[in-house]
Amino acid sequence: MNRSIVGRHFELTEPIKEYINGAIDGLEKYNLEIISATVIISGDVKNGKKGFSVEFIVNLKGKHTVVITQKDKDVYAAIDLAAERVKKNLRRHSDKIKNHKHISLKELGSEAEAVSEQISNGEADPEIVPMDLELHKPMDFDEVIELLKSQTSQQFHVFNDHEGVMRVIYKRADGKFGLY
């Protein structure tokens, strides 16, 4: 990991550099691939009052960058607050990565049996045939129910309801009908 500590309008002392390096070392516990960490400390004087601004810029693998800016009267307090905010952000990013699970077809159970059969038969890429929608007249609810009752191969139909909204009705495995 590349480290860079910069002081703007502020003279960096060795204890401050060591303190910042310790804060940067604490970022490695999240097991994220940190490419670089840059800390910029600025001395601010407003209305005769002296304050400090600390900015952490952490670049992660995968084009993810964390930028945190913290202002305080004390430079060590500003560093602590900024480091905690960076840690919180990295922890959230790490949790997102860990909680992102890939589910196999076996884990989906009976719902995915038809898909797994198609894949095992070599039908991984289903053929999509475009339809001319002008050939089909809009159906109402009763017509769709009768069509679904009469056909066993057709699983769902799209129809317009009374309010002009497109709806989908489908036949469930238990013989009942579902409506979206």
N, C-alpha and C. Protein backbone atom coordinates (compact mmCIF):
# COMPACT_ATOMS: atom_id res chain seq x y z
N MET A 1 0.85 -1.17 0.00
CA MET A 1 0.00 0.00 0.00
C MET A 1 0.90 1.24 0.00
N ASN A 2 0.59 2.16 -0.89
CA ASN A 2 1.31 3.42 -0.94
C ASN A 2 0.72 4.37 0.10
N ARG A 3 1.59 5.03 0.82
CA ARG A 3 1.14 5.99 1.84
C ARG A 3 1.69 7.37 1.50
N SER A 4 0.86 8.34 1.73
CA SER A 4 1.29 9.71 1.50
C SER A 4 0.67 10.59 2.59
N ILE A 5 1.51 11.38 3.26
CA ILE A 5 1.04 12.30 4.29
C ILE A 5 1.49 13.68 3.88
N VAL A 6 0.54 14.58 3.73
CA VAL A 6 0.82 15.92 3.23
C VAL A 6 0.32 16.94 4.25
N GLY A 7 1.11 18.00 4.46
CA GLY A 7 0.69 19.09 5.33
C GLY A 7 0.55 20.37 4.52
N ARG A 8 -0.62 20.99 4.57
CA ARG A 8 -0.85 22.27 3.89
C ARG A 8 -1.02 23.34 4.95
N HIS A 9 -0.19 24.36 4.86
CA HIS A 9 -0.22 25.45 5.84
C HIS A 9 -0.05 24.89 7.25
N PHE A 10 0.68 23.79 7.32
CA PHE A 10 0.85 23.10 8.59
C PHE A 10 2.16 22.31 8.52
N GLU A 11 2.95 22.42 9.57
CA GLU A 11 4.22 21.70 9.61
C GLU A 11 4.00 20.34 10.28
N LEU A 12 4.31 19.28 9.53
CA LEU A 12 4.15 17.93 10.05
C LEU A 12 5.34 17.57 10.94
N THR A 13 5.03 17.11 12.13
CA THR A 13 6.08 16.66 13.04
C THR A 13 6.12 15.13 13.02
N GLU A 14 7.19 14.57 13.53
CA GLU A 14 7.33 13.11 13.56
C GLU A 14 6.23 12.44 14.38
N PRO A 15 5.87 12.95 15.57
CA PRO A 15 4.78 12.30 16.31
C PRO A 15 3.46 12.28 15.54
N ILE A 16 3.16 13.34 14.81
CA ILE A 16 1.92 13.38 14.02
C ILE A 16 2.00 12.37 12.88
N LYS A 17 3.17 12.26 12.22
CA LYS A 17 3.33 11.29 11.13
C LYS A 17 3.16 9.86 11.66
N GLU A 18 3.74 9.58 12.84
CA GLU A 18 3.61 8.24 13.43
C GLU A 18 2.16 7.96 13.82
N TYR A 19 1.47 8.96 14.31
CA TYR A 19 0.07 8.82 14.70
C TYR A 19 -0.79 8.50 13.47
N ILE A 20 -0.53 9.19 12.37
CA ILE A 20 -1.27 8.96 11.13
C ILE A 20 -0.94 7.58 10.56
N ASN A 21 0.33 7.18 10.61
CA ASN A 21 0.71 5.85 10.13
C ASN A 21 0.02 4.76 10.94
N GLY A 22 -0.13 4.98 12.24
CA GLY A 22 -0.87 4.03 13.08
C GLY A 22 -2.33 3.95 12.68
N ALA A 23 -2.91 5.10 12.34
CA ALA A 23 -4.31 5.12 11.89
C ALA A 23 -4.46 4.40 10.56
N ILE A 24 -3.49 4.57 9.67
CA ILE A 24 -3.53 3.89 8.36
C ILE A 24 -3.35 2.39 8.54
N ASP A 25 -2.49 1.98 9.48
CA ASP A 25 -2.29 0.55 9.75
C ASP A 25 -3.59 -0.10 10.22
N GLY A 26 -4.40 0.64 10.93
CA GLY A 26 -5.68 0.10 11.41
C GLY A 26 -6.67 -0.17 10.30
N LEU A 27 -6.44 0.36 9.10
CA LEU A 27 -7.35 0.15 7.98
C LEU A 27 -7.16 -1.21 7.33
N GLU A 28 -6.03 -1.85 7.58
CA GLU A 28 -5.72 -3.11 6.91
C GLU A 28 -6.48 -4.30 7.49
N LYS A 29 -7.13 -4.14 8.62
CA LYS A 29 -7.81 -5.26 9.27
C LYS A 29 -9.07 -5.70 8.53
N TYR A 30 -9.54 -4.93 7.56
CA TYR A 30 -10.76 -5.26 6.84
C TYR A 30 -10.51 -6.16 5.64
N ASN A 31 -9.26 -6.52 5.41
CA ASN A 31 -8.85 -7.44 4.33
C ASN A 31 -9.33 -6.96 2.96
N LEU A 32 -9.32 -5.66 2.75
CA LEU A 32 -9.61 -5.09 1.45
C LEU A 32 -8.28 -4.75 0.78
N GLU A 33 -8.25 -4.84 -0.50
CA GLU A 33 -7.02 -4.54 -1.20
C GLU A 33 -6.89 -3.02 -1.35
N ILE A 34 -6.20 -2.41 -0.41
CA ILE A 34 -6.00 -0.96 -0.42
C ILE A 34 -4.80 -0.65 -1.29
N ILE A 35 -5.01 0.15 -2.31
CA ILE A 35 -3.93 0.50 -3.22
C ILE A 35 -3.11 1.64 -2.64
N SER A 36 -3.79 2.68 -2.18
CA SER A 36 -3.06 3.81 -1.61
C SER A 36 -3.91 4.51 -0.56
N ALA A 37 -3.22 5.16 0.36
CA ALA A 37 -3.88 5.96 1.39
C ALA A 37 -3.16 7.30 1.47
N THR A 38 -3.90 8.36 1.30
CA THR A 38 -3.34 9.71 1.35
C THR A 38 -4.04 10.47 2.46
N VAL A 39 -3.25 11.14 3.29
CA VAL A 39 -3.79 11.96 4.37
C VAL A 39 -3.28 13.39 4.15
N ILE A 40 -4.21 14.32 4.10
CA ILE A 40 -3.87 15.73 3.91
C ILE A 40 -4.34 16.49 5.14
N ILE A 41 -3.39 17.14 5.82
CA ILE A 41 -3.72 17.94 7.00
C ILE A 41 -3.54 19.40 6.63
N SER A 42 -4.59 20.19 6.85
CA SER A 42 -4.54 21.62 6.55
C SER A 42 -4.76 22.40 7.82
N GLY A 43 -3.97 23.46 7.96
CA GLY A 43 -4.18 24.38 9.07
C GLY A 43 -5.09 25.50 8.62
N ASP A 44 -6.18 25.71 9.34
CA ASP A 44 -7.16 26.73 8.98
C ASP A 44 -7.21 27.79 10.07
N VAL A 45 -7.28 29.05 9.64
CA VAL A 45 -7.47 30.14 10.59
C VAL A 45 -8.67 30.94 10.11
N LYS A 46 -9.76 30.90 10.92
CA LYS A 46 -10.97 31.64 10.58
C LYS A 46 -11.36 32.48 11.79
N ASN A 47 -11.57 33.74 11.54
CA ASN A 47 -11.97 34.68 12.59
C ASN A 47 -11.00 34.67 13.76
N GLY A 48 -9.74 34.49 13.46
CA GLY A 48 -8.73 34.49 14.51
C GLY A 48 -8.64 33.19 15.28
N LYS A 49 -9.46 32.21 14.96
CA LYS A 49 -9.43 30.93 15.64
C LYS A 49 -8.71 29.91 14.76
N LYS A 50 -7.87 29.12 15.41
CA LYS A 50 -7.08 28.14 14.69
C LYS A 50 -7.81 26.79 14.71
N GLY A 51 -7.85 26.12 13.56
CA GLY A 51 -8.48 24.81 13.45
C GLY A 51 -7.71 23.96 12.45
N PHE A 52 -8.08 22.71 12.36
CA PHE A 52 -7.38 21.79 11.48
C PHE A 52 -8.41 21.00 10.67
N SER A 53 -8.04 20.72 9.45
CA SER A 53 -8.86 19.91 8.56
C SER A 53 -8.02 18.70 8.13
N VAL A 54 -8.57 17.50 8.35
CA VAL A 54 -7.88 16.27 7.98
C VAL A 54 -8.71 15.56 6.91
N GLU A 55 -8.06 15.20 5.81
CA GLU A 55 -8.74 14.52 4.72
C GLU A 55 -8.05 13.19 4.44
N PHE A 56 -8.82 12.10 4.55
CA PHE A 56 -8.33 10.77 4.22
C PHE A 56 -8.84 10.41 2.83
N ILE A 57 -7.94 9.97 1.95
CA ILE A 57 -8.32 9.49 0.62
C ILE A 57 -7.76 8.06 0.52
N VAL A 58 -8.66 7.08 0.46
CA VAL A 58 -8.26 5.68 0.41
C VAL A 58 -8.74 5.09 -0.91
N ASN A 59 -7.80 4.63 -1.73
CA ASN A 59 -8.13 4.02 -3.02
C ASN A 59 -8.10 2.51 -2.86
N LEU A 60 -9.22 1.85 -3.22
CA LEU A 60 -9.34 0.40 -3.14
C LEU A 60 -9.31 -0.20 -4.54
N LYS A 61 -9.03 -1.49 -4.59
CA LYS A 61 -9.06 -2.20 -5.85
C LYS A 61 -10.49 -2.20 -6.36
N GLY A 62 -10.65 -2.08 -7.65
CA GLY A 62 -11.99 -2.07 -8.23
C GLY A 62 -12.56 -0.68 -8.37
N LYS A 63 -11.73 0.34 -8.44
CA LYS A 63 -12.15 1.72 -8.66
C LYS A 63 -13.06 2.25 -7.56
N HIS A 64 -12.87 1.80 -6.35
CA HIS A 64 -13.65 2.31 -5.22
C HIS A 64 -12.75 3.23 -4.41
N THR A 65 -13.18 4.44 -4.17
CA THR A 65 -12.40 5.42 -3.43
C THR A 65 -13.23 5.95 -2.27
N VAL A 66 -12.59 6.02 -1.10
CA VAL A 66 -13.23 6.56 0.09
C VAL A 66 -12.56 7.89 0.40
N VAL A 67 -13.34 8.96 0.48
CA VAL A 67 -12.82 10.29 0.80
C VAL A 67 -13.58 10.81 2.01
N ILE A 68 -12.84 11.09 3.09
CA ILE A 68 -13.44 11.59 4.33
C ILE A 68 -12.70 12.86 4.73
N THR A 69 -13.46 13.92 5.04
CA THR A 69 -12.88 15.17 5.52
C THR A 69 -13.45 15.46 6.90
N GLN A 70 -12.56 15.81 7.82
CA GLN A 70 -12.98 16.09 9.19
C GLN A 70 -12.28 17.36 9.68
N LYS A 71 -13.02 18.25 10.33
CA LYS A 71 -12.46 19.48 10.88
C LYS A 71 -12.60 19.46 12.40
N ASP A 72 -11.58 20.00 13.07
CA ASP A 72 -11.62 20.07 14.53
C ASP A 72 -10.59 21.10 14.98
N LYS A 73 -10.71 21.50 16.24
CA LYS A 73 -9.75 22.46 16.82
C LYS A 73 -8.42 21.79 17.12
N ASP A 74 -8.47 20.49 17.45
CA ASP A 74 -7.27 19.73 17.79
C ASP A 74 -6.93 18.80 16.63
N VAL A 75 -5.67 18.76 16.22
CA VAL A 75 -5.26 17.96 15.08
C VAL A 75 -5.43 16.46 15.38
N TYR A 76 -5.12 16.03 16.60
CA TYR A 76 -5.24 14.62 16.95
C TYR A 76 -6.72 14.18 16.98
N ALA A 77 -7.57 15.04 17.46
CA ALA A 77 -9.00 14.74 17.48
C ALA A 77 -9.54 14.64 16.05
N ALA A 78 -9.09 15.52 15.18
CA ALA A 78 -9.52 15.49 13.79
C ALA A 78 -9.05 14.19 13.12
N ILE A 79 -7.82 13.77 13.41
CA ILE A 79 -7.29 12.53 12.84
C ILE A 79 -8.11 11.34 13.35
N ASP A 80 -8.39 11.30 14.65
CA ASP A 80 -9.16 10.20 15.23
C ASP A 80 -10.55 10.11 14.62
N LEU A 81 -11.24 11.23 14.53
CA LEU A 81 -12.60 11.24 13.98
C LEU A 81 -12.61 10.81 12.51
N ALA A 82 -11.66 11.32 11.74
CA ALA A 82 -11.58 10.96 10.32
C ALA A 82 -11.25 9.49 10.15
N ALA A 83 -10.32 8.98 10.97
CA ALA A 83 -9.94 7.56 10.87
C ALA A 83 -11.12 6.66 11.23
N GLU A 84 -11.90 7.03 12.23
CA GLU A 84 -13.07 6.22 12.60
C GLU A 84 -14.12 6.22 11.50
N ARG A 85 -14.31 7.35 10.86
CA ARG A 85 -15.26 7.43 9.75
C ARG A 85 -14.81 6.59 8.56
N VAL A 86 -13.50 6.59 8.29
CA VAL A 86 -12.95 5.76 7.21
C VAL A 86 -13.14 4.29 7.55
N LYS A 87 -12.86 3.91 8.80
CA LYS A 87 -13.02 2.51 9.22
C LYS A 87 -14.48 2.07 9.07
N LYS A 88 -15.40 2.93 9.44
CA LYS A 88 -16.82 2.61 9.33
C LYS A 88 -17.19 2.38 7.86
N ASN A 89 -16.69 3.24 6.99
CA ASN A 89 -16.97 3.12 5.56
C ASN A 89 -16.37 1.84 4.99
N LEU A 90 -15.14 1.52 5.37
CA LEU A 90 -14.49 0.30 4.90
C LEU A 90 -15.18 -0.94 5.45
N ARG A 91 -15.65 -0.88 6.68
CA ARG A 91 -16.37 -2.01 7.26
C ARG A 91 -17.66 -2.28 6.49
N ARG A 92 -18.37 -1.22 6.13
CA ARG A 92 -19.60 -1.38 5.34
C ARG A 92 -19.28 -1.99 3.98
N HIS A 93 -18.22 -1.51 3.34
CA HIS A 93 -17.82 -2.03 2.04
C HIS A 93 -17.43 -3.51 2.15
N SER A 94 -16.70 -3.85 3.20
CA SER A 94 -16.29 -5.24 3.42
C SER A 94 -17.50 -6.13 3.66
N ASP A 95 -18.48 -5.65 4.44
CA ASP A 95 -19.69 -6.43 4.70
C ASP A 95 -20.49 -6.65 3.42
N LYS A 96 -20.53 -5.65 2.55
CA LYS A 96 -21.23 -5.80 1.28
C LYS A 96 -20.60 -6.92 0.46
N ILE A 97 -19.28 -6.95 0.44
CA ILE A 97 -18.58 -7.97 -0.33
C ILE A 97 -18.82 -9.35 0.28
N LYS A 98 -18.76 -9.46 1.60
CA LYS A 98 -18.93 -10.75 2.26
C LYS A 98 -20.37 -11.26 2.15
N ASN A 99 -21.36 -10.38 2.20
CA ASN A 99 -22.76 -10.78 2.18
C ASN A 99 -23.28 -11.05 0.77
N HIS A 100 -22.49 -10.73 -0.24
CA HIS A 100 -22.91 -10.98 -1.62
C HIS A 100 -22.65 -12.45 -1.92
N LYS A 101 -23.72 -13.25 -1.90
CA LYS A 101 -23.58 -14.69 -2.09
C LYS A 101 -24.14 -15.08 -3.45
N HIS A 102 -23.49 -16.04 -4.06
CA HIS A 102 -23.97 -16.62 -5.30
C HIS A 102 -24.78 -17.86 -4.95
N ILE A 103 -26.00 -17.94 -5.46
CA ILE A 103 -26.88 -19.07 -5.17
C ILE A 103 -26.89 -19.99 -6.38
N SER A 104 -26.62 -21.25 -6.14
CA SER A 104 -26.64 -22.22 -7.23
C SER A 104 -28.08 -22.69 -7.47
N LEU A 105 -28.26 -23.38 -8.59
CA LEU A 105 -29.59 -23.90 -8.91
C LEU A 105 -30.03 -24.95 -7.90
N LYS A 106 -29.09 -25.71 -7.35
CA LYS A 106 -29.45 -26.72 -6.36
C LYS A 106 -30.00 -26.08 -5.10
N GLU A 107 -29.46 -24.93 -4.70
CA GLU A 107 -29.93 -24.25 -3.50
C GLU A 107 -31.32 -23.65 -3.68
N LEU A 108 -31.71 -23.36 -4.93
CA LEU A 108 -33.03 -22.79 -5.18
C LEU A 108 -34.14 -23.83 -5.01
N GLY A 109 -33.81 -25.11 -5.14
CA GLY A 109 -34.78 -26.16 -4.89
C GLY A 109 -35.66 -26.45 -6.08
N SER A 110 -36.92 -26.77 -5.80
CA SER A 110 -37.85 -27.22 -6.84
C SER A 110 -38.18 -26.15 -7.85
N GLU A 111 -38.04 -24.88 -7.49
CA GLU A 111 -38.35 -23.79 -8.41
C GLU A 111 -37.40 -23.77 -9.60
N ALA A 112 -36.20 -24.29 -9.41
CA ALA A 112 -35.20 -24.23 -10.47
C ALA A 112 -35.02 -25.56 -11.18
N GLU A 113 -35.89 -26.55 -10.91
CA GLU A 113 -35.73 -27.86 -11.55
C GLU A 113 -35.84 -27.78 -13.06
N ALA A 114 -36.80 -27.02 -13.56
CA ALA A 114 -36.98 -26.91 -15.01
C ALA A 114 -35.77 -26.26 -15.66
N VAL A 115 -35.21 -25.25 -15.02
CA VAL A 115 -34.04 -24.57 -15.56
C VAL A 115 -32.83 -25.50 -15.54
N SER A 116 -32.66 -26.25 -14.45
CA SER A 116 -31.51 -27.15 -14.38
C SER A 116 -31.63 -28.28 -15.39
N GLU A 117 -32.87 -28.74 -15.67
CA GLU A 117 -33.06 -29.77 -16.69
C GLU A 117 -32.68 -29.24 -18.07
N GLN A 118 -33.05 -28.00 -18.36
CA GLN A 118 -32.70 -27.41 -19.65
C GLN A 118 -31.19 -27.27 -19.79
N ILE A 119 -30.53 -26.87 -18.71
CA ILE A 119 -29.08 -26.71 -18.76
C ILE A 119 -28.40 -28.06 -18.95
N SER A 120 -28.88 -29.09 -18.24
CA SER A 120 -28.26 -30.41 -18.36
C SER A 120 -28.52 -31.02 -19.73
N ASN A 121 -29.61 -30.63 -20.40
CA ASN A 121 -29.89 -31.13 -21.74
C ASN A 121 -29.19 -30.32 -22.82
N GLY A 122 -28.38 -29.36 -22.42
CA GLY A 122 -27.64 -28.56 -23.40
C GLY A 122 -28.41 -27.37 -23.91
N GLU A 123 -29.48 -27.00 -23.27
CA GLU A 123 -30.30 -25.86 -23.69
C GLU A 123 -30.01 -24.64 -22.82
N ALA A 124 -28.75 -24.33 -22.64
CA ALA A 124 -28.37 -23.23 -21.75
C ALA A 124 -28.81 -21.88 -22.31
N ASP A 125 -28.79 -21.73 -23.63
CA ASP A 125 -29.20 -20.47 -24.25
C ASP A 125 -30.55 -20.66 -24.93
N PRO A 126 -31.64 -20.30 -24.26
CA PRO A 126 -32.95 -20.49 -24.88
C PRO A 126 -33.11 -19.57 -26.07
N GLU A 127 -33.81 -20.06 -27.08
CA GLU A 127 -34.04 -19.27 -28.28
C GLU A 127 -35.21 -18.32 -28.03
N ILE A 128 -35.02 -17.06 -28.31
CA ILE A 128 -36.07 -16.06 -28.12
C ILE A 128 -36.61 -15.69 -29.49
N VAL A 129 -37.90 -15.88 -29.66
CA VAL A 129 -38.55 -15.61 -30.94
C VAL A 129 -39.40 -14.36 -30.79
N PRO A 130 -39.15 -13.32 -31.59
CA PRO A 130 -39.97 -12.11 -31.47
C PRO A 130 -41.39 -12.36 -31.99
N MET A 131 -42.35 -11.67 -31.35
CA MET A 131 -43.75 -11.81 -31.73
C MET A 131 -44.26 -10.47 -32.22
N ASP A 132 -45.19 -10.53 -33.15
CA ASP A 132 -45.85 -9.33 -33.62
C ASP A 132 -47.06 -9.09 -32.73
N LEU A 133 -47.02 -8.06 -31.91
CA LEU A 133 -48.08 -7.81 -30.93
C LEU A 133 -49.38 -7.35 -31.57
N GLU A 134 -49.34 -6.90 -32.82
CA GLU A 134 -50.57 -6.47 -33.46
C GLU A 134 -51.49 -7.64 -33.76
N LEU A 135 -50.96 -8.87 -33.78
CA LEU A 135 -51.78 -10.04 -34.05
C LEU A 135 -52.62 -10.43 -32.85
N HIS A 136 -52.26 -9.98 -31.67
CA HIS A 136 -52.96 -10.37 -30.46
C HIS A 136 -53.82 -9.22 -29.96
N LYS A 137 -55.10 -9.52 -29.76
CA LYS A 137 -55.98 -8.48 -29.25
C LYS A 137 -55.86 -8.42 -27.73
N PRO A 138 -56.08 -7.27 -27.12
CA PRO A 138 -56.04 -7.19 -25.66
C PRO A 138 -57.12 -8.07 -25.05
N MET A 139 -56.78 -8.71 -23.94
CA MET A 139 -57.72 -9.62 -23.28
C MET A 139 -58.16 -9.00 -21.96
N ASP A 140 -59.36 -9.38 -21.52
CA ASP A 140 -59.77 -8.95 -20.20
C ASP A 140 -59.53 -10.11 -19.22
N PHE A 141 -59.81 -9.87 -17.97
CA PHE A 141 -59.49 -10.81 -16.89
C PHE A 141 -60.16 -12.18 -17.10
N ASP A 142 -61.44 -12.16 -17.43
CA ASP A 142 -62.19 -13.42 -17.58
C ASP A 142 -61.65 -14.26 -18.74
N GLU A 143 -61.29 -13.62 -19.85
CA GLU A 143 -60.75 -14.34 -20.99
C GLU A 143 -59.42 -15.00 -20.63
N VAL A 144 -58.60 -14.30 -19.87
CA VAL A 144 -57.30 -14.85 -19.49
C VAL A 144 -57.47 -16.06 -18.58
N ILE A 145 -58.39 -15.99 -17.62
CA ILE A 145 -58.64 -17.12 -16.71
C ILE A 145 -59.10 -18.34 -17.49
N GLU A 146 -60.04 -18.15 -18.42
CA GLU A 146 -60.53 -19.27 -19.21
C GLU A 146 -59.41 -19.87 -20.07
N LEU A 147 -58.57 -19.03 -20.63
CA LEU A 147 -57.46 -19.52 -21.45
C LEU A 147 -56.47 -20.31 -20.60
N LEU A 148 -56.16 -19.83 -19.42
CA LEU A 148 -55.22 -20.54 -18.55
C LEU A 148 -55.80 -21.87 -18.08
N LYS A 149 -57.12 -21.92 -17.83
CA LYS A 149 -57.76 -23.17 -17.41
C LYS A 149 -57.72 -24.21 -18.52
N SER A 150 -57.88 -23.75 -19.75
CA SER A 150 -57.95 -24.69 -20.88
C SER A 150 -56.56 -25.16 -21.34
N GLN A 151 -55.53 -24.37 -21.14
CA GLN A 151 -54.21 -24.74 -21.62
C GLN A 151 -53.33 -25.20 -20.47
N THR A 152 -52.57 -26.25 -20.71
CA THR A 152 -51.63 -26.71 -19.69
C THR A 152 -50.22 -26.24 -20.00
N SER A 153 -49.94 -25.92 -21.26
CA SER A 153 -48.58 -25.51 -21.63
C SER A 153 -48.33 -24.04 -21.36
N GLN A 154 -49.35 -23.21 -21.45
CA GLN A 154 -49.18 -21.78 -21.24
C GLN A 154 -49.15 -21.49 -19.75
N GLN A 155 -48.17 -20.74 -19.28
CA GLN A 155 -48.02 -20.49 -17.85
C GLN A 155 -48.54 -19.13 -17.42
N PHE A 156 -48.47 -18.11 -18.29
CA PHE A 156 -48.91 -16.78 -17.87
C PHE A 156 -49.40 -15.98 -19.07
N HIS A 157 -50.16 -14.93 -18.77
CA HIS A 157 -50.66 -14.02 -19.80
C HIS A 157 -50.57 -12.59 -19.29
N VAL A 158 -50.42 -11.68 -20.22
CA VAL A 158 -50.40 -10.25 -19.91
C VAL A 158 -51.72 -9.67 -20.43
N PHE A 159 -52.36 -8.84 -19.62
CA PHE A 159 -53.62 -8.25 -20.05
C PHE A 159 -53.73 -6.84 -19.48
N ASN A 160 -54.67 -6.07 -20.04
CA ASN A 160 -54.97 -4.73 -19.55
C ASN A 160 -56.14 -4.83 -18.58
N ASP A 161 -55.99 -4.19 -17.41
CA ASP A 161 -57.13 -4.19 -16.48
C ASP A 161 -58.03 -3.00 -16.80
N HIS A 162 -59.04 -2.78 -15.99
CA HIS A 162 -60.02 -1.72 -16.25
C HIS A 162 -59.40 -0.34 -16.21
N GLU A 163 -58.31 -0.18 -15.50
CA GLU A 163 -57.68 1.13 -15.37
C GLU A 163 -56.60 1.36 -16.43
N GLY A 164 -56.41 0.40 -17.35
CA GLY A 164 -55.43 0.56 -18.41
C GLY A 164 -54.02 0.16 -18.02
N VAL A 165 -53.87 -0.50 -16.88
CA VAL A 165 -52.56 -0.92 -16.40
C VAL A 165 -52.28 -2.33 -16.91
N MET A 166 -51.06 -2.57 -17.39
CA MET A 166 -50.68 -3.91 -17.83
C MET A 166 -50.51 -4.80 -16.62
N ARG A 167 -51.15 -5.97 -16.61
CA ARG A 167 -51.09 -6.91 -15.50
C ARG A 167 -50.65 -8.27 -16.03
N VAL A 168 -50.08 -9.09 -15.18
CA VAL A 168 -49.66 -10.44 -15.55
C VAL A 168 -50.38 -11.41 -14.63
N ILE A 169 -51.01 -12.41 -15.22
CA ILE A 169 -51.63 -13.47 -14.44
C ILE A 169 -50.94 -14.77 -14.83
N TYR A 170 -50.68 -15.61 -13.85
CA TYR A 170 -49.94 -16.84 -14.10
C TYR A 170 -50.56 -17.98 -13.31
N LYS A 171 -50.31 -19.19 -13.81
CA LYS A 171 -50.81 -20.40 -13.14
C LYS A 171 -49.73 -20.91 -12.22
N ARG A 172 -50.07 -21.07 -10.95
CA ARG A 172 -49.12 -21.55 -9.95
C ARG A 172 -49.07 -23.08 -9.99
N ALA A 173 -48.08 -23.65 -9.32
CA ALA A 173 -47.92 -25.10 -9.29
C ALA A 173 -49.08 -25.79 -8.58
N ASP A 174 -49.71 -25.10 -7.62
CA ASP A 174 -50.82 -25.71 -6.88
C ASP A 174 -52.16 -25.57 -7.60
N GLY A 175 -52.18 -25.04 -8.83
CA GLY A 175 -53.40 -24.90 -9.60
C GLY A 175 -54.11 -23.58 -9.42
N LYS A 176 -53.70 -22.78 -8.47
CA LYS A 176 -54.30 -21.46 -8.26
C LYS A 176 -53.66 -20.46 -9.22
N PHE A 177 -54.21 -19.25 -9.25
CA PHE A 177 -53.70 -18.23 -10.15
C PHE A 177 -53.08 -17.09 -9.34
N GLY A 178 -51.96 -16.57 -9.84
CA GLY A 178 -51.30 -15.43 -9.23
C GLY A 178 -51.46 -14.21 -10.12
N LEU A 179 -51.41 -13.02 -9.52
CA LEU A 179 -51.63 -11.79 -10.28
C LEU A 179 -50.60 -10.77 -9.90
N TYR A 180 -49.93 -10.20 -10.88
CA TYR A 180 -49.00 -9.09 -10.67
C TYR A 180 -49.64 -7.83 -11.18
